[in-house]
């Protein structure tokens, strides 16, 4: 690692970003994502974005910021649940490959095959042999992806210890966030240093020139989203696609019809708001 991140993480934190400033900057980036979308469709590009990080690192919020203004047919989000018995008997990478992009698609993995280097290893869901085999095979697998023409972007969201605790407490007390808290999350919370060791071993084994990891410090959610989206865009040589101006055709009066709703015959939703 060691590329393009601050030399000193102990410097004074910048002032809290105003929501209006954040929304203005995010909208500009989302416009660029729309341009990227058109370019991907036009060129048949295939892109994979891998998002990894500890629990509460901000993967969900980043995905929402990326995906909320683009088409889900072009930007597909993949968040796989734990493998079933059949999937456990398959090759480890097999269930991920089935979700890889076809021409004109961008696939965002909300956690990925790197589960084996993280939660599976730390929580004992795979053997030491399986873990070591993954670390050795993963760079070759990703080399194959890149050589086949897929753009692979790997983002690690790094949340601090105190900030993670703060976010866990919010999930415990906020009804709107409680669904994010699973028994596995609670159990994983106590293994902070084990996850740190696993992260560093993962970086050492899988950070390569053709398939590098990019780290985004995510204690500040707003800045993390902006920085991550901006960096993803910088890694793809997209261009704005020119389209002919769209003109709406005149509506035909042929077969004119009184299309007002017959409200007296319908079940109307009460207008409570």
Protein backbone atom coordinates (compact mmCIF):
# COMPACT_ATOMS: atom_id res chain seq x y z
CA UNK A 1 0.00 0.00 0.00
CA UNK A 2 1.22 3.49 0.79
CA UNK A 3 -0.02 5.21 -2.38
CA UNK A 4 -1.81 8.54 -2.36
CA UNK A 5 -2.86 8.79 1.25
CA UNK A 6 -1.90 11.46 3.79
CA UNK A 7 1.46 11.18 5.51
CA UNK A 8 0.00 12.20 8.83
CA UNK A 9 -3.46 11.07 9.91
CA UNK A 10 -3.21 12.97 13.22
CA UNK A 11 -3.64 16.40 11.71
CA UNK A 12 -6.56 18.57 12.82
CA UNK A 13 -9.88 17.47 11.41
CA UNK A 14 -11.48 19.84 8.91
CA UNK A 15 -14.64 21.63 9.93
CA UNK A 16 -17.86 19.69 9.57
CA UNK A 17 -19.14 19.94 6.01
CA UNK A 18 -22.43 21.76 5.60
CA UNK A 19 -25.21 19.59 4.24
CA UNK A 20 -25.90 22.10 1.45
CA UNK A 21 -22.23 22.07 0.43
CA UNK A 22 -22.16 18.27 0.48
CA UNK A 23 -25.33 17.96 -1.57
CA UNK A 24 -24.04 20.43 -4.15
CA UNK A 25 -20.76 18.54 -4.58
CA UNK A 26 -22.52 15.17 -4.59
CA UNK A 27 -24.93 16.28 -7.30
CA UNK A 28 -22.03 17.28 -9.56
CA UNK A 29 -20.43 13.87 -9.06
CA UNK A 30 -23.75 12.15 -9.72
CA UNK A 31 -23.99 14.01 -13.02
CA UNK A 32 -20.58 12.57 -13.89
CA UNK A 33 -21.84 9.11 -12.91
CA UNK A 34 -24.66 9.58 -15.43
CA UNK A 35 -22.08 10.48 -18.09
CA UNK A 36 -20.11 7.38 -17.08
CA UNK A 37 -23.26 5.31 -17.41
CA UNK A 38 -23.84 6.47 -20.98
CA UNK A 39 -20.21 5.81 -21.88
CA UNK A 40 -20.33 2.30 -20.43
CA UNK A 41 -23.47 1.53 -22.42
CA UNK A 42 -22.01 2.96 -25.62
CA UNK A 43 -18.63 1.25 -25.37
CA UNK A 44 -19.67 -2.06 -23.79
CA UNK A 45 -17.24 -1.57 -20.93
CA UNK A 46 -17.34 -3.97 -18.00
CA UNK A 47 -16.56 -2.57 -14.55
CA UNK A 48 -16.46 -4.14 -11.09
CA UNK A 49 -16.29 -2.00 -7.96
CA UNK A 50 -15.47 -3.91 -4.78
CA UNK A 51 -16.37 -2.16 -1.52
CA UNK A 52 -14.88 -3.57 1.66
CA UNK A 53 -14.37 -2.37 5.20
CA UNK A 54 -15.25 -3.12 8.79
CA UNK A 55 -18.85 -3.10 9.95
CA UNK A 56 -20.27 0.46 9.98
CA UNK A 57 -17.50 1.72 7.67
CA UNK A 58 -20.09 3.33 5.39
CA UNK A 59 -20.44 0.95 2.46
CA UNK A 60 -24.23 1.25 2.35
CA UNK A 61 -24.23 5.03 2.36
CA UNK A 62 -21.61 5.14 -0.38
CA UNK A 63 -23.58 2.70 -2.52
CA UNK A 64 -26.73 4.78 -2.10
CA UNK A 65 -24.86 7.93 -3.14
CA UNK A 66 -23.52 6.18 -6.24
CA UNK A 67 -26.70 4.40 -7.29
CA UNK A 68 -29.56 6.78 -6.47
CA UNK A 69 -29.42 8.80 -9.74
CA UNK A 70 -28.43 6.08 -12.23
CA UNK A 71 -30.16 3.07 -13.77
CA UNK A 72 -30.13 -0.20 -11.80
CA UNK A 73 -29.91 -1.94 -15.18
CA UNK A 74 -26.46 -0.45 -15.68
CA UNK A 75 -25.29 -0.09 -12.08
CA UNK A 76 -26.05 -3.43 -10.42
CA UNK A 77 -25.49 -3.79 -6.67
CA UNK A 78 -24.61 -7.26 -5.41
CA UNK A 79 -24.86 -8.02 -1.69
CA UNK A 80 -24.76 -11.77 -1.20
CA UNK A 81 -26.04 -13.48 1.93
CA UNK A 82 -24.22 -16.35 3.60
CA UNK A 83 -23.74 -19.32 1.24
CA UNK A 84 -26.22 -22.19 1.43
CA UNK A 85 -25.16 -25.84 1.59
CA UNK A 86 -25.01 -26.21 -2.19
CA UNK A 87 -22.90 -23.09 -2.59
CA UNK A 88 -20.53 -24.26 0.13
CA UNK A 89 -19.77 -27.31 -2.02
CA UNK A 90 -18.90 -25.19 -5.07
CA UNK A 91 -15.60 -23.57 -5.95
CA UNK A 92 -15.27 -20.58 -3.65
CA UNK A 93 -15.30 -17.95 -6.42
CA UNK A 94 -18.13 -19.64 -8.30
CA UNK A 95 -21.07 -17.78 -6.76
CA UNK A 96 -19.39 -14.42 -7.33
CA UNK A 97 -18.55 -15.03 -10.98
CA UNK A 98 -22.25 -15.47 -11.78
CA UNK A 99 -22.79 -11.80 -10.89
CA UNK A 100 -19.95 -10.38 -12.99
CA UNK A 101 -20.83 -7.69 -15.55
CA UNK A 102 -21.75 -8.26 -19.16
CA UNK A 103 -20.96 -5.57 -21.72
CA UNK A 104 -22.34 -2.20 -20.69
CA UNK A 105 -22.65 -2.96 -16.97
CA UNK A 106 -21.09 -1.78 -13.72
CA UNK A 107 -21.36 -4.17 -10.79
CA UNK A 108 -20.84 -2.92 -7.24
CA UNK A 109 -20.07 -5.62 -4.70
CA UNK A 110 -21.21 -4.73 -1.18
CA UNK A 111 -18.64 -7.09 0.28
CA UNK A 112 -17.17 -9.61 -2.07
CA UNK A 113 -14.92 -12.65 -2.36
CA UNK A 114 -12.80 -10.86 0.25
CA UNK A 115 -15.20 -12.22 2.87
CA UNK A 116 -12.76 -15.12 3.03
CA UNK A 117 -9.92 -12.78 4.01
CA UNK A 118 -12.08 -11.03 6.60
CA UNK A 119 -15.11 -12.36 8.43
CA UNK A 120 -14.69 -16.00 7.36
CA UNK A 121 -11.10 -16.07 8.58
CA UNK A 122 -11.61 -14.07 11.78
CA UNK A 123 -14.80 -15.87 12.83
CA UNK A 124 -13.55 -19.33 11.91
CA UNK A 125 -15.91 -20.04 9.00
CA UNK A 126 -13.07 -21.35 6.85
CA UNK A 127 -10.02 -23.44 7.60
CA UNK A 128 -6.49 -22.05 7.78
CA UNK A 129 -5.72 -23.95 4.59
CA UNK A 130 -8.70 -22.40 2.79
CA UNK A 131 -7.70 -18.96 4.02
CA UNK A 132 -4.10 -19.30 2.89
CA UNK A 133 -5.17 -20.77 -0.43
CA UNK A 134 -7.42 -17.76 -1.02
CA UNK A 135 -4.63 -15.25 -0.33
CA UNK A 136 -2.39 -17.06 -2.79
CA UNK A 137 -5.02 -17.56 -5.52
CA UNK A 138 -6.79 -14.18 -5.32
CA UNK A 139 -4.12 -12.12 -7.12
CA UNK A 140 -4.07 -14.66 -9.97
CA UNK A 141 -7.87 -14.59 -10.16
CA UNK A 142 -7.92 -10.80 -10.31
CA UNK A 143 -5.13 -10.79 -12.89
CA UNK A 144 -7.37 -12.97 -15.02
CA UNK A 145 -10.25 -10.51 -14.60
CA UNK A 146 -8.13 -7.55 -15.65
CA UNK A 147 -6.57 -9.43 -18.56
CA UNK A 148 -10.06 -10.36 -19.79
CA UNK A 149 -10.91 -6.67 -20.14
CA UNK A 150 -12.77 -6.00 -16.87
CA UNK A 151 -11.93 -2.82 -14.99
CA UNK A 152 -11.56 -3.83 -11.33
CA UNK A 153 -11.65 -1.13 -8.66
CA UNK A 154 -11.14 -2.14 -5.02
CA UNK A 155 -12.08 0.37 -2.31
CA UNK A 156 -11.41 -0.14 1.39
CA UNK A 157 -13.36 2.14 3.76
CA UNK A 158 -11.35 2.66 6.93
CA UNK A 159 -13.38 3.59 10.00
CA UNK A 160 -11.73 4.41 13.31
CA UNK A 161 -12.27 2.49 16.54
CA UNK A 162 -14.12 5.27 18.37
CA UNK A 163 -16.24 6.15 15.37
CA UNK A 164 -17.23 2.52 14.88
CA UNK A 165 -18.39 2.30 18.49
CA UNK A 166 -20.42 5.48 18.04
CA UNK A 167 -22.11 4.03 14.95
CA UNK A 168 -22.82 0.72 16.66
CA UNK A 169 -24.52 2.55 19.52
CA UNK A 170 -26.63 4.49 17.00
CA UNK A 171 -27.74 1.20 15.44
CA UNK A 172 -28.73 -0.15 18.84
CA UNK A 173 -30.86 2.85 19.79
CA UNK A 174 -32.24 4.13 16.46
CA UNK A 175 -35.29 2.19 15.11
CA UNK A 176 -34.36 3.31 11.59
CA UNK A 177 -30.95 1.65 11.89
CA UNK A 178 -31.63 -1.41 14.02
CA UNK A 179 -32.17 -3.56 10.92
CA UNK A 180 -28.49 -3.02 10.08
CA UNK A 181 -27.38 -4.76 13.30
CA UNK A 182 -27.04 -8.53 13.10
CA UNK A 183 -25.90 -11.01 15.78
CA UNK A 184 -22.74 -11.53 13.70
CA UNK A 185 -22.06 -7.78 13.74
CA UNK A 186 -22.28 -7.75 17.53
CA UNK A 187 -19.94 -10.72 17.81
CA UNK A 188 -17.50 -9.22 15.33
CA UNK A 189 -17.40 -5.96 17.32
CA UNK A 190 -15.30 -7.61 20.03
CA UNK A 191 -12.66 -8.76 17.51
CA UNK A 192 -11.34 -5.34 16.48
CA UNK A 193 -7.65 -6.26 16.52
CA UNK A 194 -8.21 -9.61 14.80
CA UNK A 195 -9.91 -7.77 11.97
CA UNK A 196 -7.02 -5.30 11.86
CA UNK A 197 -4.51 -8.11 11.44
CA UNK A 198 -6.68 -9.73 8.77
CA UNK A 199 -6.95 -6.41 6.91
CA UNK A 200 -3.19 -5.93 6.88
CA UNK A 201 -2.52 -9.50 5.71
CA UNK A 202 -5.12 -9.03 2.97
CA UNK A 203 -3.44 -5.85 1.78
CA UNK A 204 -0.01 -7.48 1.82
CA UNK A 205 -1.20 -10.43 -0.26
CA UNK A 206 -3.64 -8.82 -2.71
CA UNK A 207 -2.53 -5.23 -3.32
CA UNK A 208 -0.90 -5.44 -6.74
CA UNK A 209 0.05 -3.06 -9.52
CA UNK A 210 -2.75 -4.24 -11.80
CA UNK A 211 -5.29 -4.72 -9.00
CA UNK A 212 -4.51 -2.19 -6.25
CA UNK A 213 -6.43 -1.36 -3.12
CA UNK A 214 -7.51 2.24 -2.57
CA UNK A 215 -8.15 3.35 1.01
CA UNK A 216 -10.78 5.94 1.91
CA UNK A 217 -10.84 7.19 5.51
CA UNK A 218 -14.52 7.17 6.41
CA UNK A 219 -14.99 8.67 9.87
CA UNK A 220 -16.43 11.67 8.02
CA UNK A 221 -19.19 10.04 5.98
CA UNK A 222 -19.87 12.97 3.68
CA UNK A 223 -16.25 13.53 2.70
CA UNK A 224 -15.69 9.77 2.37
CA UNK A 225 -18.52 9.44 -0.16
CA UNK A 226 -17.32 12.41 -2.19
CA UNK A 227 -13.70 11.22 -2.14
CA UNK A 228 -14.62 7.66 -3.07
CA UNK A 229 -16.91 8.60 -5.97
CA UNK A 230 -14.43 11.16 -7.28
CA UNK A 231 -11.63 8.58 -7.21
CA UNK A 232 -13.70 5.88 -8.90
CA UNK A 233 -14.50 8.33 -11.69
CA UNK A 234 -10.82 9.26 -12.03
CA UNK A 235 -9.88 5.63 -12.67
CA UNK A 236 -12.17 5.19 -15.71
CA UNK A 237 -11.37 6.94 -19.03
CA UNK A 238 -14.99 7.79 -19.79
CA UNK A 239 -16.13 10.62 -22.03
CA UNK A 240 -19.41 12.44 -22.35
CA UNK A 241 -21.44 10.84 -25.13
CA UNK A 242 -23.06 13.28 -27.52
CA UNK A 243 -26.72 12.68 -28.29
CA UNK A 244 -29.05 14.34 -30.74
CA UNK A 245 -31.41 16.77 -29.03
CA UNK A 246 -34.65 15.11 -28.03
CA UNK A 247 -37.90 16.71 -29.24
CA UNK A 248 -41.23 15.52 -27.99
CA UNK A 249 -43.61 14.66 -30.85
CA UNK A 250 -46.99 16.33 -31.08
CA UNK A 251 -49.71 14.32 -29.40
CA UNK A 252 -52.18 12.94 -31.86
CA UNK A 253 -55.86 13.78 -31.49
CA UNK A 254 -56.80 10.69 -33.49
CA UNK A 255 -59.02 8.35 -31.50
CA UNK A 256 -59.60 11.10 -28.96
CA UNK A 257 -60.88 9.77 -25.66
CA UNK A 258 -62.10 11.18 -22.36
CA UNK A 259 -59.33 9.74 -20.20
CA UNK A 260 -60.28 11.39 -16.94
CA UNK A 261 -60.36 8.92 -14.07
CA UNK A 262 -63.80 7.63 -13.12
CA UNK A 263 -63.12 8.30 -9.47
CA UNK A 264 -66.56 7.23 -8.32
CA UNK A 265 -65.78 3.65 -9.37
CA UNK A 266 -62.23 3.40 -7.97
CA UNK A 267 -60.61 2.80 -4.60
CA UNK A 268 -58.78 5.99 -3.80
CA UNK A 269 -55.89 6.23 -1.34
CA UNK A 270 -56.82 8.61 1.51
CA UNK A 271 -54.94 11.89 1.18
CA UNK A 272 -53.58 12.01 4.73
CA UNK A 273 -50.68 14.30 3.87
